[in-house]
PDB file of N, CA and C in Angstrom:
ATOM      1  N   MET A   1       0.792  -1.121  -0.027  1.00  0.00           N
ATOM      2  CA  MET A   1       0.000  -0.051  -0.038  1.00  0.00           C
ATOM      3  C   MET A   1       0.915   1.273  -0.043  1.00  0.00           C
ATOM      4  N   ALA A   2       1.964   1.220   0.831  1.00  0.00           N
ATOM      5  CA  ALA A   2       2.814   2.439   0.941  1.00  0.00           C
ATOM      6  C   ALA A   2       3.474   2.581  -0.436  1.00  0.00           C
ATOM      7  N   LYS A   3       3.939   1.486  -1.038  1.00  0.00           N
ATOM      8  CA  LYS A   3       4.654   1.594  -2.373  1.00  0.00           C
ATOM      9  C   LYS A   3       3.796   2.262  -3.442  1.00  0.00           C
ATOM     10  N   SER A   4       2.448   1.887  -3.453  1.00  0.00           N
ATOM     11  CA  SER A   4       1.540   2.355  -4.438  1.00  0.00           C
ATOM     12  C   SER A   4       1.378   3.870  -4.165  1.00  0.00           C
ATOM     13  N   LEU A   5       1.250   4.245  -2.933  1.00  0.00           N
ATOM     14  CA  LEU A   5       1.078   5.702  -2.614  1.00  0.00           C
ATOM     15  C   LEU A   5       2.330   6.436  -3.086  1.00  0.00           C
ATOM     16  N   VAL A   6       3.481   6.003  -2.781  1.00  0.00           N
ATOM     17  CA  VAL A   6       4.684   6.687  -3.257  1.00  0.00           C
ATOM     18  C   VAL A   6       4.773   6.731  -4.756  1.00  0.00           C
ATOM     19  N   ASP A   7       4.458   5.654  -5.380  1.00  0.00           N
ATOM     20  CA  ASP A   7       4.430   5.585  -6.853  1.00  0.00           C
ATOM     21  C   ASP A   7       3.419   6.630  -7.472  1.00  0.00           C
ATOM     22  N   SER A   8       2.301   6.687  -6.831  1.00  0.00           N
ATOM     23  CA  SER A   8       1.287   7.637  -7.384  1.00  0.00           C
ATOM     24  C   SER A   8       1.743   9.107  -7.178  1.00  0.00           C
ATOM     25  N   LEU A   9       2.464   9.410  -6.211  1.00  0.00           N
ATOM     26  CA  LEU A   9       2.787  10.802  -5.958  1.00  0.00           C
ATOM     27  C   LEU A   9       4.221  11.167  -6.632  1.00  0.00           C
ATOM     28  N   ALA A  10       4.915  10.137  -7.024  1.00  0.00           N
ATOM     29  CA  ALA A  10       6.327  10.357  -7.623  1.00  0.00           C
ATOM     30  C   ALA A  10       6.160  10.974  -8.941  1.00  0.00           C
ATOM     31  N   ALA A  11       7.076  11.850  -9.292  1.00  0.00           N
ATOM     32  CA  ALA A  11       7.225  12.489 -10.533  1.00  0.00           C
ATOM     33  C   ALA A  11       8.694  12.702 -10.940  1.00  0.00           C
ATOM     34  N   GLY A  12       8.952  12.797 -12.181  1.00  0.00           N
ATOM     35  CA  GLY A  12      10.297  12.921 -12.647  1.00  0.00           C
ATOM     36  C   GLY A  12      10.913  14.110 -12.087  1.00  0.00           C
ATOM     37  N   TRP A  13      12.254  14.235 -11.840  1.00  0.00           N
ATOM     38  CA  TRP A  13      12.832  15.331 -11.318  1.00  0.00           C
ATOM     39  C   TRP A  13      13.664  16.103 -12.423  1.00  0.00           C
ATOM     40  N   ASP A  14      13.326  17.394 -12.581  1.00  0.00           N
ATOM     41  CA  ASP A  14      14.045  18.136 -13.643  1.00  0.00           C
ATOM     42  C   ASP A  14      14.812  19.226 -12.921  1.00  0.00           C
ATOM     43  N   PRO A  15      16.079  19.191 -12.784  1.00  0.00           N
ATOM     44  CA  PRO A  15      16.906  20.050 -12.045  1.00  0.00           C
ATOM     45  C   PRO A  15      16.873  21.528 -12.672  1.00  0.00           C
ATOM     46  N   SER A  16      16.552  21.627 -13.956  1.00  0.00           N
ATOM     47  CA  SER A  16      16.527  22.958 -14.485  1.00  0.00           C
ATOM     48  C   SER A  16      15.344  23.775 -13.978  1.00  0.00           C
ATOM     49  N   LYS A  17      14.365  23.163 -13.385  1.00  0.00           N
ATOM     50  CA  LYS A  17      13.283  23.852 -12.699  1.00  0.00           C
ATOM     51  C   LYS A  17      13.689  24.669 -11.499  1.00  0.00           C
ATOM     52  N   TYR A  18      14.812  24.330 -10.951  1.00  0.00           N
ATOM     53  CA  TYR A  18      15.289  24.856  -9.617  1.00  0.00           C
ATOM     54  C   TYR A  18      16.549  25.757  -9.730  1.00  0.00           C
ATOM     55  N   THR A  19      16.620  26.788  -9.028  1.00  0.00           N
ATOM     56  CA  THR A  19      17.805  27.572  -9.035  1.00  0.00           C
ATOM     57  C   THR A  19      18.248  27.846  -7.583  1.00  0.00           C
ATOM     58  N   ASP A  20      19.480  28.110  -7.460  1.00  0.00           N
ATOM     59  CA  ASP A  20      19.991  28.429  -6.061  1.00  0.00           C
ATOM     60  C   ASP A  20      20.012  29.892  -5.933  1.00  0.00           C
ATOM     61  N   GLN A  21      18.919  30.523  -5.557  1.00  0.00           N
ATOM     62  CA  GLN A  21      18.843  31.935  -5.508  1.00  0.00           C
ATOM     63  C   GLN A  21      19.668  32.518  -4.312  1.00  0.00           C
ATOM     64  N   TYR A  22      19.757  31.762  -3.282  1.00  0.00           N
ATOM     65  CA  TYR A  22      20.639  32.173  -2.215  1.00  0.00           C
ATOM     66  C   TYR A  22      22.024  32.443  -2.716  1.00  0.00           C
ATOM     67  N   ARG A  23      22.597  31.549  -3.398  1.00  0.00           N
ATOM     68  CA  ARG A  23      23.955  31.595  -3.956  1.00  0.00           C
ATOM     69  C   ARG A  23      24.084  32.780  -5.022  1.00  0.00           C
ATOM     70  N   GLU A  24      23.181  32.838  -5.792  1.00  0.00           N
ATOM     71  CA  GLU A  24      23.178  33.935  -6.874  1.00  0.00           C
ATOM     72  C   GLU A  24      23.135  35.278  -6.198  1.00  0.00           C
ATOM     73  N   ASN A  25      22.333  35.478  -5.204  1.00  0.00           N
ATOM     74  CA  ASN A  25      22.205  36.757  -4.442  1.00  0.00           C
ATOM     75  C   ASN A  25      23.567  37.036  -3.663  1.00  0.00           C
ATOM     76  N   LEU A  26      24.101  36.030  -3.079  1.00  0.00           N
ATOM     77  CA  LEU A  26      25.286  36.189  -2.379  1.00  0.00           C
ATOM     78  C   LEU A  26      26.431  36.639  -3.281  1.00  0.00           C
ATOM     79  N   MET A  27      26.614  36.001  -4.453  1.00  0.00           N
ATOM     80  CA  MET A  27      27.623  36.359  -5.388  1.00  0.00           C
ATOM     81  C   MET A  27      27.454  37.779  -5.874  1.00  0.00           C
ATOM     82  N   LYS A  28      26.127  38.235  -6.074  1.00  0.00           N
ATOM     83  CA  LYS A  28      25.956  39.644  -6.486  1.00  0.00           C
ATOM     84  C   LYS A  28      26.576  40.551  -5.423  1.00  0.00           C
ATOM     85  N   ILE A  29      26.232  40.243  -4.119  1.00  0.00           N
ATOM     86  CA  ILE A  29      26.743  41.079  -3.070  1.00  0.00           C
ATOM     87  C   ILE A  29      28.238  41.062  -3.075  1.00  0.00           C
ATOM     88  N   ILE A  30      28.842  39.897  -3.191  1.00  0.00           N
ATOM     89  CA  ILE A  30      30.343  39.878  -3.123  1.00  0.00           C
ATOM     90  C   ILE A  30      30.908  40.591  -4.249  1.00  0.00           C
ATOM     91  N   ARG A  31      30.388  40.474  -5.431  1.00  0.00           N
ATOM     92  CA  ARG A  31      30.879  41.248  -6.529  1.00  0.00           C
ATOM     93  C   ARG A  31      30.860  42.846  -6.384  1.00  0.00           C
ATOM     94  N   ALA A  32      29.617  43.152  -5.926  1.00  0.00           N
ATOM     95  CA  ALA A  32      29.479  44.655  -5.673  1.00  0.00           C
ATOM     96  C   ALA A  32      30.328  45.043  -4.633  1.00  0.00           C
ATOM     97  N   LYS A  33      30.602  44.353  -3.556  1.00  0.00           N
ATOM     98  CA  LYS A  33      31.481  44.835  -2.484  1.00  0.00           C
ATOM     99  C   LYS A  33      32.913  44.777  -2.930  1.00  0.00           C
ATOM    100  N   ALA A  34      33.274  43.878  -3.824  1.00  0.00           N
ATOM    101  CA  ALA A  34      34.684  43.805  -4.432  1.00  0.00           C
ATOM    102  C   ALA A  34      34.931  45.020  -5.230  1.00  0.00           C
ATOM    103  N   LYS A  35      33.848  45.593  -5.897  1.00  0.00           N
ATOM    104  CA  LYS A  35      33.989  46.825  -6.695  1.00  0.00           C
ATOM    105  C   LYS A  35      33.934  48.049  -5.882  1.00  0.00           C
ATOM    106  N   GLY A  36      33.611  47.940  -4.610  1.00  0.00           N
ATOM    107  CA  GLY A  36      33.565  49.111  -3.666  1.00  0.00           C
ATOM    108  C   GLY A  36      32.166  49.735  -3.681  1.00  0.00           C
ATOM    109  N   LYS A  37      31.258  49.025  -4.216  1.00  0.00           N
ATOM    110  CA  LYS A  37      29.853  49.633  -4.194  1.00  0.00           C
ATOM    111  C   LYS A  37      29.142  49.343  -2.874  1.00  0.00           C
ATOM    112  N   LYS A  38      28.179  50.159  -2.610  1.00  0.00           N
ATOM    113  CA  LYS A  38      27.281  49.940  -1.448  1.00  0.00           C
ATOM    114  C   LYS A  38      26.167  48.948  -1.896  1.00  0.00           C
ATOM    115  N   VAL A  39      26.019  47.997  -1.072  1.00  0.00           N
ATOM    116  CA  VAL A  39      24.990  46.913  -1.479  1.00  0.00           C
ATOM    117  C   VAL A  39      23.647  47.221  -0.900  1.00  0.00           C
ATOM    118  N   ALA A  40      22.630  47.229  -1.777  1.00  0.00           N
ATOM    119  CA  ALA A  40      21.260  47.289  -1.258  1.00  0.00           C
ATOM    120  C   ALA A  40      20.598  45.866  -1.646  1.00  0.00           C
ATOM    121  N   LEU A  41      20.058  45.340  -0.517  1.00  0.00           N
ATOM    122  CA  LEU A  41      19.467  44.000  -0.572  1.00  0.00           C
ATOM    123  C   LEU A  41      18.003  44.189  -1.097  1.00  0.00           C
ATOM    124  N   GLU A  42      17.684  43.323  -2.032  1.00  0.00           N
ATOM    125  CA  GLU A  42      16.303  43.219  -2.492  1.00  0.00           C
ATOM    126  C   GLU A  42      15.407  42.546  -1.568  1.00  0.00           C
ATOM    127  N   ALA A  43      14.168  43.019  -1.369  1.00  0.00           N
ATOM    128  CA  ALA A  43      13.170  42.295  -0.481  1.00  0.00           C
ATOM    129  C   ALA A  43      12.792  40.945  -1.107  1.00  0.00           C
ATOM    130  N   GLY A  44      12.725  40.009  -0.277  1.00  0.00           N
ATOM    131  CA  GLY A  44      12.218  38.687  -0.797  1.00  0.00           C
ATOM    132  C   GLY A  44      10.812  38.603  -1.094  1.00  0.00           C
ATOM    133  N   GLU A  45      10.356  37.522  -1.580  1.00  0.00           N
ATOM    134  CA  GLU A  45       8.978  37.448  -1.881  1.00  0.00           C
ATOM    135  C   GLU A  45       8.151  37.127  -0.637  1.00  0.00           C
ATOM    136  N   GLU A  46       6.911  37.773  -0.642  1.00  0.00           N
ATOM    137  CA  GLU A  46       6.058  37.605   0.607  1.00  0.00           C
ATOM    138  C   GLU A  46       5.691  36.217   0.688  1.00  0.00           C
ATOM    139  N   LYS A  47       5.716  35.718   1.922  1.00  0.00           N
ATOM    140  CA  LYS A  47       5.381  34.253   2.176  1.00  0.00           C
ATOM    141  C   LYS A  47       3.824  34.241   2.134  1.00  0.00           C
ATOM    142  N   ARG A  48       3.417  33.271   1.354  1.00  0.00           N
ATOM    143  CA  ARG A  48       1.976  32.886   1.226  1.00  0.00           C
ATOM    144  C   ARG A  48       1.516  32.097   2.505  1.00  0.00           C
ATOM    145  N   PRO A  49       0.338  32.332   3.008  1.00  0.00           N
ATOM    146  CA  PRO A  49      -0.136  31.527   4.130  1.00  0.00           C
ATOM    147  C   PRO A  49      -0.304  30.150   3.601  1.00  0.00           C
ATOM    148  N   ALA A  50       0.046  29.133   4.404  1.00  0.00           N
ATOM    149  CA  ALA A  50       0.083  27.804   4.063  1.00  0.00           C
ATOM    150  C   ALA A  50      -1.291  27.140   4.423  1.00  0.00           C
ATOM    151  N   GLU A  51      -1.704  26.235   3.693  1.00  0.00           N
ATOM    152  CA  GLU A  51      -2.982  25.663   3.975  1.00  0.00           C
ATOM    153  C   GLU A  51      -2.746  24.462   4.999  1.00  0.00           C
ATOM    154  N   VAL A  52      -3.486  24.618   6.127  1.00  0.00           N
ATOM    155  CA  VAL A  52      -3.187  23.697   7.203  1.00  0.00           C
ATOM    156  C   VAL A  52      -4.202  22.587   6.952  1.00  0.00           C
ATOM    157  N   VAL A  53      -3.615  21.281   6.885  1.00  0.00           N
ATOM    158  CA  VAL A  53      -4.349  20.135   6.699  1.00  0.00           C
ATOM    159  C   VAL A  53      -4.589  19.353   7.934  1.00  0.00           C
ATOM    160  N   ASP A  54      -5.816  18.834   8.101  1.00  0.00           N
ATOM    161  CA  ASP A  54      -6.011  18.022   9.295  1.00  0.00           C
ATOM    162  C   ASP A  54      -5.720  16.548   8.852  1.00  0.00           C
ATOM    163  N   LEU A  55      -4.657  16.059   9.218  1.00  0.00           N
ATOM    164  CA  LEU A  55      -4.227  14.745   8.711  1.00  0.00           C
ATOM    165  C   LEU A  55      -5.098  13.700   9.325  1.00  0.00           C
ATOM    166  N   MET A  56      -5.535  13.803  10.448  1.00  0.00           N
ATOM    167  CA  MET A  56      -6.355  12.772  11.032  1.00  0.00           C
ATOM    168  C   MET A  56      -7.717  12.650  10.282  1.00  0.00           C
ATOM    169  N   GLU A  57      -8.290  13.801   9.875  1.00  0.00           N
ATOM    170  CA  GLU A  57      -9.512  13.843   9.081  1.00  0.00           C
ATOM    171  C   GLU A  57      -9.232  13.222   7.688  1.00  0.00           C
ATOM    172  N   ARG A  58      -8.132  13.525   7.137  1.00  0.00           N
ATOM    173  CA  ARG A  58      -7.784  13.012   5.813  1.00  0.00           C
ATOM    174  C   ARG A  58      -7.641  11.480   5.833  1.00  0.00           C
ATOM    175  N   LEU A  59      -7.001  11.003   6.878  1.00  0.00           N
ATOM    176  CA  LEU A  59      -6.814   9.558   7.096  1.00  0.00           C
ATOM    177  C   LEU A  59      -8.197   8.861   7.241  1.00  0.00           C
ATOM    178  N   ARG A  60      -9.085   9.515   8.009  1.00  0.00           N
ATOM    179  CA  ARG A  60     -10.477   8.927   8.304  1.00  0.00           C
ATOM    180  C   ARG A  60     -11.178   8.778   6.892  1.00  0.00           C
ATOM    181  N   GLN A  61     -11.104  10.011   6.122  1.00  0.00           N
ATOM    182  CA  GLN A  61     -11.756   9.930   4.811  1.00  0.00           C
ATOM    183  C   GLN A  61     -11.098   8.833   3.914  1.00  0.00           C
ATOM    184  N   SER A  62      -9.805   8.774   3.912  1.00  0.00           N
ATOM    185  CA  SER A  62      -9.196   7.701   3.075  1.00  0.00           C
ATOM    186  C   SER A  62      -9.634   6.317   3.501  1.00  0.00           C
ATOM    187  N   LEU A  63      -9.639   6.065   4.751  1.00  0.00           N
ATOM    188  CA  LEU A  63     -10.068   4.669   5.288  1.00  0.00           C
ATOM    189  C   LEU A  63     -11.505   4.454   4.947  1.00  0.00           C
ATOM    190  N   ALA A  64     -12.364   5.479   5.171  1.00  0.00           N
ATOM    191  CA  ALA A  64     -13.742   5.319   4.764  1.00  0.00           C
ATOM    192  C   ALA A  64     -13.975   5.125   3.219  1.00  0.00           C
ATOM    193  N   HIS A  65     -13.141   5.691   2.458  1.00  0.00           N
ATOM    194  CA  HIS A  65     -13.198   5.474   0.980  1.00  0.00           C
ATOM    195  C   HIS A  65     -12.792   4.139   0.695  1.00  0.00           C
ATOM    196  N   THR A  66     -11.747   3.590   1.286  1.00  0.00           N
ATOM    197  CA  THR A  66     -11.311   2.200   1.182  1.00  0.00           C
ATOM    198  C   THR A  66     -12.232   1.123   1.582  1.00  0.00           C
ATOM    199  N   LYS A  67     -12.887   1.381   2.814  1.00  0.00           N
ATOM    200  CA  LYS A  67     -13.886   0.479   3.370  1.00  0.00           C
ATOM    201  C   LYS A  67     -15.195   0.369   2.259  1.00  0.00           C
ATOM    202  N   ALA A  68     -15.428   1.464   1.607  1.00  0.00           N
ATOM    203  CA  ALA A  68     -16.613   1.496   0.752  1.00  0.00           C
ATOM    204  C   ALA A  68     -16.371   0.532  -0.484  1.00  0.00           C
ATOM    205  N   LYS A  69     -15.170   0.308  -0.914  1.00  0.00           N
ATOM    206  CA  LYS A  69     -14.891  -0.672  -1.944  1.00  0.00           C
ATOM    207  C   LYS A  69     -14.677  -1.972  -1.401  1.00  0.00           C
ATOM    208  N   PRO A  70     -15.423  -2.954  -1.932  1.00  0.00           N
ATOM    209  CA  PRO A  70     -15.379  -4.337  -1.270  1.00  0.00           C
ATOM    210  C   PRO A  70     -13.893  -4.953  -1.744  1.00  0.00           C
ATOM    211  N   ALA A  71     -13.378  -5.665  -0.838  1.00  0.00           N
ATOM    212  CA  ALA A  71     -12.054  -6.290  -1.168  1.00  0.00           C
ATOM    213  C   ALA A  71     -12.382  -7.545  -1.977  1.00  0.00           C
ATOM    214  N   LYS A  72     -11.395  -7.852  -2.768  1.00  0.00           N
ATOM    215  CA  LYS A  72     -11.427  -9.129  -3.585  1.00  0.00           C
ATOM    216  C   LYS A  72     -11.109 -10.267  -2.686  1.00  0.00           C
ATOM    217  N   ALA A  73     -11.944 -11.280  -2.860  1.00  0.00           N
ATOM    218  CA  ALA A  73     -11.787 -12.584  -2.091  1.00  0.00           C
ATOM    219  C   ALA A  73     -10.575 -13.308  -2.732  1.00  0.00           C
ATOM    220  N   THR A  74      -9.571 -13.636  -1.938  1.00  0.00           N
ATOM    221  CA  THR A  74      -8.491 -14.487  -2.502  1.00  0.00           C
ATOM    222  C   THR A  74      -8.823 -15.970  -2.335  1.00  0.00           C
ATOM    223  N   THR A  75      -8.537 -16.718  -3.237  1.00  0.00           N
ATOM    224  CA  THR A  75      -8.635 -18.175  -3.213  1.00  0.00           C
ATOM    225  C   THR A  75      -7.304 -18.744  -3.462  1.00  0.00           C
ATOM    226  N   LYS A  76      -7.155 -19.923  -2.764  1.00  0.00           N
ATOM    227  CA  LYS A  76      -5.949 -20.669  -2.965  1.00  0.00           C
ATOM    228  C   LYS A  76      -6.012 -21.517  -4.185  1.00  0.00           C
ATOM    229  N   THR A  77      -4.915 -21.527  -4.842  1.00  0.00           N
ATOM    230  CA  THR A  77      -4.912 -22.430  -6.107  1.00  0.00           C
ATOM    231  C   THR A  77      -4.480 -23.879  -5.616  1.00  0.00           C
ATOM    232  N   ASP A  78      -4.731 -24.789  -6.504  1.00  0.00           N
ATOM    233  CA  ASP A  78      -4.336 -26.092  -6.204  1.00  0.00           C
ATOM    234  C   ASP A  78      -2.867 -26.294  -5.813  1.00  0.00           C
ATOM    235  N   LYS A  79      -2.019 -25.587  -6.665  1.00  0.00           N
ATOM    236  CA  LYS A  79      -0.583 -25.604  -6.386  1.00  0.00           C
ATOM    237  C   LYS A  79      -0.224 -25.075  -5.025  1.00  0.00           C
ATOM    238  N   THR A  80      -0.851 -24.030  -4.511  1.00  0.00           N
ATOM    239  CA  THR A  80      -0.602 -23.489  -3.232  1.00  0.00           C
ATOM    240  C   THR A  80      -0.988 -24.546  -2.138  1.00  0.00           C
ATOM    241  N   GLU A  81      -2.194 -25.103  -2.290  1.00  0.00           N
ATOM    242  CA  GLU A  81      -2.640 -26.120  -1.400  1.00  0.00           C
ATOM    243  C   GLU A  81      -1.616 -27.345  -1.249  1.00  0.00           C
ATOM    244  N   LYS A  82      -1.217 -27.746  -2.391  1.00  0.00           N
ATOM    245  CA  LYS A  82      -0.270 -28.878  -2.492  1.00  0.00           C
ATOM    246  C   LYS A  82       1.012 -28.511  -1.687  1.00  0.00           C
ATOM    247  N   THR A  83       1.552 -27.320  -2.065  1.00  0.00           N
ATOM    248  CA  THR A  83       2.751 -26.752  -1.404  1.00  0.00           C
ATOM    249  C   THR A  83       2.585 -26.779   0.110  1.00  0.00           C
ATOM    250  N   GLU A  84       1.476 -26.320   0.628  1.00  0.00           N
ATOM    251  CA  GLU A  84       1.309 -26.189   2.121  1.00  0.00           C
ATOM    252  C   GLU A  84       1.253 -27.524   2.652  1.00  0.00           C
ATOM    253  N   LYS A  85       0.529 -28.465   2.016  1.00  0.00           N
ATOM    254  CA  LYS A  85       0.482 -29.859   2.540  1.00  0.00           C
ATOM    255  C   LYS A  85       1.873 -30.515   2.567  1.00  0.00           C
ATOM    256  N   ARG A  86       2.709 -30.271   1.639  1.00  0.00           N
ATOM    257  CA  ARG A  86       3.986 -30.803   1.520  1.00  0.00           C
ATOM    258  C   ARG A  86       4.869 -30.279   2.613  1.00  0.00           C
ATOM    259  N   HIS A  87       4.817 -28.941   2.993  1.00  0.00           N
ATOM    260  CA  HIS A  87       5.489 -28.330   4.085  1.00  0.00           C
ATOM    261  C   HIS A  87       5.010 -28.862   5.393  1.00  0.00           C
ATOM    262  N   ARG A  88       3.673 -29.117   5.602  1.00  0.00           N
ATOM    263  CA  ARG A  88       3.234 -29.600   6.796  1.00  0.00           C
ATOM    264  C   ARG A  88       3.745 -30.995   7.013  1.00  0.00           C
ATOM    265  N   HIS A  89       3.793 -31.786   5.925  1.00  0.00           N
ATOM    266  CA  HIS A  89       4.309 -33.169   6.058  1.00  0.00           C
ATOM    267  C   HIS A  89       5.738 -33.145   6.415  1.00  0.00           C
ATOM    268  N   THR A  90       6.612 -32.344   5.856  1.00  0.00           N
ATOM    269  CA  THR A  90       8.047 -32.403   6.127  1.00  0.00           C
ATOM    270  C   THR A  90       8.260 -31.817   7.506  1.00  0.00           C
ATOM    271  N   ARG A  91       7.397 -31.010   8.034  1.00  0.00           N
ATOM    272  CA  ARG A  91       7.667 -30.456   9.437  1.00  0.00           C
ATOM    273  C   ARG A  91       7.355 -31.703  10.461  1.00  0.00           C
ATOM    274  N   ARG A  92       6.380 -32.515  10.052  1.00  0.00           N
ATOM    275  CA  ARG A  92       6.058 -33.492  11.101  1.00  0.00           C
ATOM    276  C   ARG A  92       7.173 -34.557  11.008  1.00  0.00           C
ATOM    277  N   ARG A  93       7.785 -34.807   9.860  1.00  0.00           N
ATOM    278  CA  ARG A  93       8.901 -35.805   9.888  1.00  0.00           C
ATOM    279  C   ARG A  93      10.105 -35.277  10.602  1.00  0.00           C
ATOM    280  N   SER A  94      10.484 -34.024  10.550  1.00  0.00           N
ATOM    281  CA  SER A  94      11.639 -33.509  11.100  1.00  0.00           C
ATOM    282  C   SER A  94      11.492 -33.410  12.635  1.00  0.00           C
ATOM    283  N   VAL A  95      10.295 -33.272  13.134  1.00  0.00           N
ATOM    284  CA  VAL A  95      10.075 -33.114  14.509  1.00  0.00           C
ATOM    285  C   VAL A  95      10.153 -34.478  15.309  1.00  0.00           C
ATOM    286  N   ALA A  96       9.634 -35.559  14.517  1.00  0.00           N
ATOM    287  CA  ALA A  96       9.547 -36.900  15.179  1.00  0.00           C
ATOM    288  C   ALA A  96      10.993 -37.536  15.265  1.00  0.00           C
TER     289      ALA A  96
END
């Protein structure tokens, strides 16, 4: 279940989408100071309010959604039953 969750949320990673803004800004400051200029820092982006998610409620909804779908009944195949019988038989012999 965890693997399917991770697989559904996974996406390809494209490093070109990301930049190191801290390093870029720091290098601008260093270059300006090296030239003897006075450095004026730019204001950063305003932080957007984060959406607070009630994880317990989301878990309850997920579990309710899962319970709504009937689970498939699993049946043993003839091969599985034969294998189990063989293992039971060998365990008895080794104990005796």
